Amino acid sequence: MVKTIITVIFVIICIFLSAVILLQEGKQAGLSGSISGMAESYWGRNKSRSMEGKLEKLTKVAAFLWIVLALVLDLKFW
């Protein structure tokens, strides 16, 4: 029963992680912006408050949960 619940949560996190990654912008725009000095602008300093910054944080949290649940599901005592 517990393994089934964890598996369902794992699948939901997989779908969520895929969606969050697809919503993010490409990194090429950020690379050219940092070369031209855009990193020192208001946008560069407050990136964590932007939608892109929030998506990056969500990606990190979802990836961490995905790894933890994958390890838990791999345990042999089920």
PDB file of N, CA and C in Angstrom:
ATOM      1  N   MET A   1       0.823  -1.194   0.000  1.00  0.00           N
ATOM      2  CA  MET A   1       0.000   0.000   0.000  1.00  0.00           C
ATOM      3  C   MET A   1       0.871   1.263   0.000  1.00  0.00           C
ATOM      4  N   VAL A   2       1.888   1.276   0.854  1.00  0.00           N
ATOM      5  CA  VAL A   2       2.773   2.432   0.931  1.00  0.00           C
ATOM      6  C   VAL A   2       3.569   2.587  -0.363  1.00  0.00           C
ATOM      7  N   LYS A   3       4.010   1.469  -0.914  1.00  0.00           N
ATOM      8  CA  LYS A   3       4.769   1.526  -2.162  1.00  0.00           C
ATOM      9  C   LYS A   3       3.917   2.088  -3.294  1.00  0.00           C
ATOM     10  N   THR A   4       2.641   1.752  -3.319  1.00  0.00           N
ATOM     11  CA  THR A   4       1.741   2.272  -4.347  1.00  0.00           C
ATOM     12  C   THR A   4       1.575   3.780  -4.211  1.00  0.00           C
ATOM     13  N   ILE A   5       1.420   4.262  -3.004  1.00  0.00           N
ATOM     14  CA  ILE A   5       1.279   5.700  -2.764  1.00  0.00           C
ATOM     15  C   ILE A   5       2.548   6.436  -3.180  1.00  0.00           C
ATOM     16  N   ILE A   6       3.697   5.893  -2.810  1.00  0.00           N
ATOM     17  CA  ILE A   6       4.967   6.527  -3.177  1.00  0.00           C
ATOM     18  C   ILE A   6       5.155   6.502  -4.698  1.00  0.00           C
ATOM     19  N   THR A   7       4.738   5.430  -5.347  1.00  0.00           N
ATOM     20  CA  THR A   7       4.845   5.346  -6.803  1.00  0.00           C
ATOM     21  C   THR A   7       3.965   6.387  -7.474  1.00  0.00           C
ATOM     22  N   VAL A   8       2.766   6.594  -6.966  1.00  0.00           N
ATOM     23  CA  VAL A   8       1.870   7.615  -7.529  1.00  0.00           C
ATOM     24  C   VAL A   8       2.480   9.008  -7.344  1.00  0.00           C
ATOM     25  N   ILE A   9       3.019   9.286  -6.179  1.00  0.00           N
ATOM     26  CA  ILE A   9       3.675  10.577  -5.926  1.00  0.00           C
ATOM     27  C   ILE A   9       4.877  10.743  -6.854  1.00  0.00           C
ATOM     28  N   PHE A  10       5.610   9.656  -7.065  1.00  0.00           N
ATOM     29  CA  PHE A  10       6.778   9.682  -7.953  1.00  0.00           C
ATOM     30  C   PHE A  10       6.371  10.036  -9.386  1.00  0.00           C
ATOM     31  N   VAL A  11       5.292   9.451  -9.871  1.00  0.00           N
ATOM     32  CA  VAL A  11       4.815   9.736 -11.235  1.00  0.00           C
ATOM     33  C   VAL A  11       4.348  11.188 -11.336  1.00  0.00           C
ATOM     34  N   ILE A  12       3.658  11.682 -10.319  1.00  0.00           N
ATOM     35  CA  ILE A  12       3.218  13.082 -10.321  1.00  0.00           C
ATOM     36  C   ILE A  12       4.417  14.019 -10.355  1.00  0.00           C
ATOM     37  N   ILE A  13       5.449  13.718  -9.582  1.00  0.00           N
ATOM     38  CA  ILE A  13       6.655  14.546  -9.584  1.00  0.00           C
ATOM     39  C   ILE A  13       7.348  14.475 -10.938  1.00  0.00           C
ATOM     40  N   CYS A  14       7.354  13.311 -11.576  1.00  0.00           N
ATOM     41  CA  CYS A  14       7.953  13.181 -12.914  1.00  0.00           C
ATOM     42  C   CYS A  14       7.246  14.082 -13.918  1.00  0.00           C
ATOM     43  N   ILE A  15       5.933  14.081 -13.900  1.00  0.00           N
ATOM     44  CA  ILE A  15       5.164  14.922 -14.827  1.00  0.00           C
ATOM     45  C   ILE A  15       5.387  16.395 -14.504  1.00  0.00           C
ATOM     46  N   PHE A  16       5.377  16.748 -13.224  1.00  0.00           N
ATOM     47  CA  PHE A  16       5.599  18.128 -12.804  1.00  0.00           C
ATOM     48  C   PHE A  16       6.990  18.602 -13.207  1.00  0.00           C
ATOM     49  N   LEU A  17       7.987  17.766 -13.000  1.00  0.00           N
ATOM     50  CA  LEU A  17       9.364  18.122 -13.352  1.00  0.00           C
ATOM     51  C   LEU A  17       9.504  18.341 -14.855  1.00  0.00           C
ATOM     52  N   SER A  18       8.877  17.495 -15.639  1.00  0.00           N
ATOM     53  CA  SER A  18       8.917  17.670 -17.091  1.00  0.00           C
ATOM     54  C   SER A  18       8.274  18.990 -17.507  1.00  0.00           C
ATOM     55  N   ALA A  19       7.149  19.318 -16.913  1.00  0.00           N
ATOM     56  CA  ALA A  19       6.451  20.564 -17.252  1.00  0.00           C
ATOM     57  C   ALA A  19       7.266  21.789 -16.857  1.00  0.00           C
ATOM     58  N   VAL A  20       7.861  21.762 -15.675  1.00  0.00           N
ATOM     59  CA  VAL A  20       8.642  22.907 -15.206  1.00  0.00           C
ATOM     60  C   VAL A  20       9.873  23.115 -16.089  1.00  0.00           C
ATOM     61  N   ILE A  21      10.506  22.045 -16.489  1.00  0.00           N
ATOM     62  CA  ILE A  21      11.679  22.166 -17.360  1.00  0.00           C
ATOM     63  C   ILE A  21      11.284  22.733 -18.717  1.00  0.00           C
ATOM     64  N   LEU A  22      10.154  22.295 -19.249  1.00  0.00           N
ATOM     65  CA  LEU A  22       9.716  22.794 -20.549  1.00  0.00           C
ATOM     66  C   LEU A  22       9.282  24.261 -20.497  1.00  0.00           C
ATOM     67  N   LEU A  23       8.846  24.736 -19.344  1.00  0.00           N
ATOM     68  CA  LEU A  23       8.430  26.129 -19.208  1.00  0.00           C
ATOM     69  C   LEU A  23       9.602  27.102 -19.132  1.00  0.00           C
ATOM     70  N   GLN A  24      10.776  26.602 -18.828  1.00  0.00           N
ATOM     71  CA  GLN A  24      11.933  27.488 -18.674  1.00  0.00           C
ATOM     72  C   GLN A  24      12.435  27.982 -20.019  1.00  0.00           C
ATOM     73  N   GLU A  25      13.028  29.185 -19.983  1.00  0.00           N
ATOM     74  CA  GLU A  25      13.622  29.744 -21.186  1.00  0.00           C
ATOM     75  C   GLU A  25      14.961  29.068 -21.451  1.00  0.00           C
ATOM     76  N   GLY A  26      15.426  29.188 -22.681  1.00  0.00           N
ATOM     77  CA  GLY A  26      16.735  28.658 -23.018  1.00  0.00           C
ATOM     78  C   GLY A  26      17.830  29.470 -22.366  1.00  0.00           C
ATOM     79  N   LYS A  27      18.959  28.863 -22.151  1.00  0.00           N
ATOM     80  CA  LYS A  27      20.073  29.548 -21.491  1.00  0.00           C
ATOM     81  C   LYS A  27      20.893  30.406 -22.448  1.00  0.00           C
ATOM     82  N   GLN A  28      20.660  30.323 -23.740  1.00  0.00           N
ATOM     83  CA  GLN A  28      21.443  31.114 -24.683  1.00  0.00           C
ATOM     84  C   GLN A  28      21.146  32.590 -24.545  1.00  0.00           C
ATOM     85  N   ALA A  29      19.922  32.955 -24.226  1.00  0.00           N
ATOM     86  CA  ALA A  29      19.595  34.364 -24.035  1.00  0.00           C
ATOM     87  C   ALA A  29      20.333  34.904 -22.813  1.00  0.00           C
ATOM     88  N   GLY A  30      20.446  34.100 -21.775  1.00  0.00           N
ATOM     89  CA  GLY A  30      21.154  34.525 -20.576  1.00  0.00           C
ATOM     90  C   GLY A  30      22.651  34.651 -20.806  1.00  0.00           C
ATOM     91  N   LEU A  31      23.200  33.785 -21.652  1.00  0.00           N
ATOM     92  CA  LEU A  31      24.625  33.827 -21.938  1.00  0.00           C
ATOM     93  C   LEU A  31      24.985  35.098 -22.698  1.00  0.00           C
ATOM     94  N   SER A  32      24.222  35.429 -23.724  1.00  0.00           N
ATOM     95  CA  SER A  32      24.533  36.636 -24.484  1.00  0.00           C
ATOM     96  C   SER A  32      24.265  37.887 -23.649  1.00  0.00           C
ATOM     97  N   GLY A  33      23.284  37.807 -22.755  1.00  0.00           N
ATOM     98  CA  GLY A  33      23.005  38.946 -21.893  1.00  0.00           C
ATOM     99  C   GLY A  33      24.114  39.198 -20.898  1.00  0.00           C
ATOM    100  N   SER A  34      24.726  38.139 -20.391  1.00  0.00           N
ATOM    101  CA  SER A  34      25.803  38.325 -19.424  1.00  0.00           C
ATOM    102  C   SER A  34      27.076  38.825 -20.094  1.00  0.00           C
ATOM    103  N   ILE A  35      27.264  38.468 -21.346  1.00  0.00           N
ATOM    104  CA  ILE A  35      28.437  38.962 -22.068  1.00  0.00           C
ATOM    105  C   ILE A  35      28.310  40.459 -22.317  1.00  0.00           C
ATOM    106  N   SER A  36      27.100  40.907 -22.617  1.00  0.00           N
ATOM    107  CA  SER A  36      26.911  42.326 -22.919  1.00  0.00           C
ATOM    108  C   SER A  36      26.736  43.170 -21.663  1.00  0.00           C
ATOM    109  N   GLY A  37      26.826  42.594 -20.489  1.00  0.00           N
ATOM    110  CA  GLY A  37      26.747  43.363 -19.255  1.00  0.00           C
ATOM    111  C   GLY A  37      25.366  43.422 -18.647  1.00  0.00           C
ATOM    112  N   MET A  38      24.461  42.608 -19.145  1.00  0.00           N
ATOM    113  CA  MET A  38      23.102  42.625 -18.620  1.00  0.00           C
ATOM    114  C   MET A  38      23.026  42.034 -17.213  1.00  0.00           C
ATOM    115  N   ALA A  39      24.028  41.270 -16.814  1.00  0.00           N
ATOM    116  CA  ALA A  39      24.017  40.631 -15.494  1.00  0.00           C
ATOM    117  C   ALA A  39      24.056  41.658 -14.375  1.00  0.00           C
ATOM    118  N   GLU A  40      24.559  42.831 -14.642  1.00  0.00           N
ATOM    119  CA  GLU A  40      24.638  43.879 -13.627  1.00  0.00           C
ATOM    120  C   GLU A  40      23.386  44.743 -13.580  1.00  0.00           C
ATOM    121  N   SER A  41      22.430  44.464 -14.428  1.00  0.00           N
ATOM    122  CA  SER A  41      21.219  45.271 -14.470  1.00  0.00           C
ATOM    123  C   SER A  41      20.259  44.849 -13.364  1.00  0.00           C
ATOM    124  N   TYR A  42      19.142  45.524 -13.301  1.00  0.00           N
ATOM    125  CA  TYR A  42      18.106  45.201 -12.319  1.00  0.00           C
ATOM    126  C   TYR A  42      17.631  43.764 -12.478  1.00  0.00           C
ATOM    127  N   TRP A  43      17.456  43.336 -13.732  1.00  0.00           N
ATOM    128  CA  TRP A  43      16.987  41.975 -14.001  1.00  0.00           C
ATOM    129  C   TRP A  43      17.974  40.938 -13.480  1.00  0.00           C
ATOM    130  N   GLY A  44      19.260  41.181 -13.662  1.00  0.00           N
ATOM    131  CA  GLY A  44      20.272  40.222 -13.226  1.00  0.00           C
ATOM    132  C   GLY A  44      20.350  40.097 -11.715  1.00  0.00           C
ATOM    133  N   ARG A  45      20.176  41.196 -11.016  1.00  0.00           N
ATOM    134  CA  ARG A  45      20.258  41.161  -9.552  1.00  0.00           C
ATOM    135  C   ARG A  45      19.017  40.581  -8.907  1.00  0.00           C
ATOM    136  N   ASN A  46      17.871  40.736  -9.516  1.00  0.00           N
ATOM    137  CA  ASN A  46      16.610  40.286  -8.926  1.00  0.00           C
ATOM    138  C   ASN A  46      16.030  39.084  -9.663  1.00  0.00           C
ATOM    139  N   LYS A  47      16.886  38.272 -10.200  1.00  0.00           N
ATOM    140  CA  LYS A  47      16.428  37.124 -10.987  1.00  0.00           C
ATOM    141  C   LYS A  47      15.639  36.134 -10.134  1.00  0.00           C
ATOM    142  N   SER A  48      15.987  35.994  -8.864  1.00  0.00           N
ATOM    143  CA  SER A  48      15.299  35.016  -8.027  1.00  0.00           C
ATOM    144  C   SER A  48      13.850  35.404  -7.770  1.00  0.00           C
ATOM    145  N   ARG A  49      13.513  36.659  -7.944  1.00  0.00           N
ATOM    146  CA  ARG A  49      12.130  37.098  -7.757  1.00  0.00           C
ATOM    147  C   ARG A  49      11.311  36.965  -9.031  1.00  0.00           C
ATOM    148  N   SER A  50      11.947  36.721 -10.137  1.00  0.00           N
ATOM    149  CA  SER A  50      11.243  36.617 -11.413  1.00  0.00           C
ATOM    150  C   SER A  50      10.633  35.227 -11.568  1.00  0.00           C
ATOM    151  N   MET A  51       9.836  35.081 -12.599  1.00  0.00           N
ATOM    152  CA  MET A  51       9.219  33.787 -12.886  1.00  0.00           C
ATOM    153  C   MET A  51      10.285  32.751 -13.237  1.00  0.00           C
ATOM    154  N   GLU A  52      11.303  33.171 -13.976  1.00  0.00           N
ATOM    155  CA  GLU A  52      12.383  32.253 -14.341  1.00  0.00           C
ATOM    156  C   GLU A  52      13.129  31.756 -13.103  1.00  0.00           C
ATOM    157  N   GLY A  53      13.366  32.644 -12.152  1.00  0.00           N
ATOM    158  CA  GLY A  53      14.033  32.244 -10.918  1.00  0.00           C
ATOM    159  C   GLY A  53      13.204  31.267 -10.112  1.00  0.00           C
ATOM    160  N   LYS A  54      11.893  31.493 -10.077  1.00  0.00           N
ATOM    161  CA  LYS A  54      11.006  30.578  -9.353  1.00  0.00           C
ATOM    162  C   LYS A  54      10.965  29.212 -10.031  1.00  0.00           C
ATOM    163  N   LEU A  55      10.976  29.211 -11.369  1.00  0.00           N
ATOM    164  CA  LEU A  55      10.984  27.930 -12.080  1.00  0.00           C
ATOM    165  C   LEU A  55      12.275  27.165 -11.815  1.00  0.00           C
ATOM    166  N   GLU A  56      13.394  27.874 -11.713  1.00  0.00           N
ATOM    167  CA  GLU A  56      14.659  27.202 -11.403  1.00  0.00           C
ATOM    168  C   GLU A  56      14.621  26.586 -10.010  1.00  0.00           C
ATOM    169  N   LYS A  57      14.060  27.308  -9.037  1.00  0.00           N
ATOM    170  CA  LYS A  57      13.950  26.767  -7.678  1.00  0.00           C
ATOM    171  C   LYS A  57      13.035  25.551  -7.658  1.00  0.00           C
ATOM    172  N   LEU A  58      11.896  25.634  -8.371  1.00  0.00           N
ATOM    173  CA  LEU A  58      10.984  24.492  -8.436  1.00  0.00           C
ATOM    174  C   LEU A  58      11.651  23.283  -9.087  1.00  0.00           C
ATOM    175  N   THR A  59      12.477  23.529 -10.086  1.00  0.00           N
ATOM    176  CA  THR A  59      13.193  22.435 -10.742  1.00  0.00           C
ATOM    177  C   THR A  59      14.133  21.754  -9.771  1.00  0.00           C
ATOM    178  N   LYS A  60      14.861  22.541  -8.992  1.00  0.00           N
ATOM    179  CA  LYS A  60      15.794  21.959  -8.021  1.00  0.00           C
ATOM    180  C   LYS A  60      15.070  21.145  -6.964  1.00  0.00           C
ATOM    181  N   VAL A  61      13.962  21.667  -6.445  1.00  0.00           N
ATOM    182  CA  VAL A  61      13.207  20.948  -5.415  1.00  0.00           C
ATOM    183  C   VAL A  61      12.597  19.669  -5.982  1.00  0.00           C
ATOM    184  N   ALA A  62      12.003  19.762  -7.164  1.00  0.00           N
ATOM    185  CA  ALA A  62      11.389  18.577  -7.772  1.00  0.00           C
ATOM    186  C   ALA A  62      12.437  17.520  -8.119  1.00  0.00           C
ATOM    187  N   ALA A  63      13.602  17.951  -8.589  1.00  0.00           N
ATOM    188  CA  ALA A  63      14.667  16.994  -8.910  1.00  0.00           C
ATOM    189  C   ALA A  63      15.164  16.296  -7.642  1.00  0.00           C
ATOM    190  N   PHE A  64      15.295  17.053  -6.561  1.00  0.00           N
ATOM    191  CA  PHE A  64      15.719  16.452  -5.288  1.00  0.00           C
ATOM    192  C   PHE A  64      14.692  15.417  -4.817  1.00  0.00           C
ATOM    193  N   LEU A  65      13.405  15.775  -4.858  1.00  0.00           N
ATOM    194  CA  LEU A  65      12.362  14.834  -4.453  1.00  0.00           C
ATOM    195  C   LEU A  65      12.325  13.608  -5.357  1.00  0.00           C
ATOM    196  N   TRP A  66      12.563  13.824  -6.655  1.00  0.00           N
ATOM    197  CA  TRP A  66      12.581  12.719  -7.602  1.00  0.00           C
ATOM    198  C   TRP A  66      13.695  11.725  -7.252  1.00  0.00           C
ATOM    199  N   ILE A  67      14.868  12.248  -6.944  1.00  0.00           N
ATOM    200  CA  ILE A  67      16.003  11.388  -6.589  1.00  0.00           C
ATOM    201  C   ILE A  67      15.731  10.628  -5.295  1.00  0.00           C
ATOM    202  N   VAL A  68      15.208  11.338  -4.297  1.00  0.00           N
ATOM    203  CA  VAL A  68      14.924  10.688  -3.015  1.00  0.00           C
ATOM    204  C   VAL A  68      13.880   9.591  -3.183  1.00  0.00           C
ATOM    205  N   LEU A  69      12.797   9.883  -3.904  1.00  0.00           N
ATOM    206  CA  LEU A  69      11.765   8.870  -4.094  1.00  0.00           C
ATOM    207  C   LEU A  69      12.257   7.705  -4.943  1.00  0.00           C
ATOM    208  N   ALA A  70      13.120   7.970  -5.917  1.00  0.00           N
ATOM    209  CA  ALA A  70      13.686   6.881  -6.713  1.00  0.00           C
ATOM    210  C   ALA A  70      14.524   5.961  -5.829  1.00  0.00           C
ATOM    211  N   LEU A  71      15.291   6.535  -4.921  1.00  0.00           N
ATOM    212  CA  LEU A  71      16.086   5.712  -4.005  1.00  0.00           C
ATOM    213  C   LEU A  71      15.202   4.927  -3.037  1.00  0.00           C
ATOM    214  N   VAL A  72      14.130   5.562  -2.547  1.00  0.00           N
ATOM    215  CA  VAL A  72      13.226   4.875  -1.627  1.00  0.00           C
ATOM    216  C   VAL A  72      12.527   3.726  -2.343  1.00  0.00           C
ATOM    217  N   LEU A  73      12.103   3.957  -3.567  1.00  0.00           N
ATOM    218  CA  LEU A  73      11.428   2.894  -4.311  1.00  0.00           C
ATOM    219  C   LEU A  73      12.367   1.750  -4.681  1.00  0.00           C
ATOM    220  N   ASP A  74      13.658   2.025  -4.700  1.00  0.00           N
ATOM    221  CA  ASP A  74      14.625   0.981  -5.045  1.00  0.00           C
ATOM    222  C   ASP A  74      14.991   0.092  -3.855  1.00  0.00           C
ATOM    223  N   LEU A  75      14.616   0.496  -2.667  1.00  0.00           N
ATOM    224  CA  LEU A  75      14.915  -0.320  -1.484  1.00  0.00           C
ATOM    225  C   LEU A  75      14.257  -1.685  -1.603  1.00  0.00           C
ATOM    226  N   LYS A  76      14.910  -2.680  -1.092  1.00  0.00           N
ATOM    227  CA  LYS A  76      14.462  -4.064  -1.290  1.00  0.00           C
ATOM    228  C   LYS A  76      13.523  -4.586  -0.208  1.00  0.00           C
ATOM    229  N   PHE A  77      13.214  -3.774   0.812  1.00  0.00           N
ATOM    230  CA  PHE A  77      12.379  -4.309   1.890  1.00  0.00           C
ATOM    231  C   PHE A  77      10.884  -4.182   1.611  1.00  0.00           C
ATOM    232  N   TRP A  78      10.491  -3.735   0.432  1.00  0.00           N
ATOM    233  CA  TRP A  78       9.061  -3.630   0.098  1.00  0.00           C
ATOM    234  C   TRP A  78       8.533  -5.002  -0.050  1.00  0.00           C
TER     235      TRP A  78
END
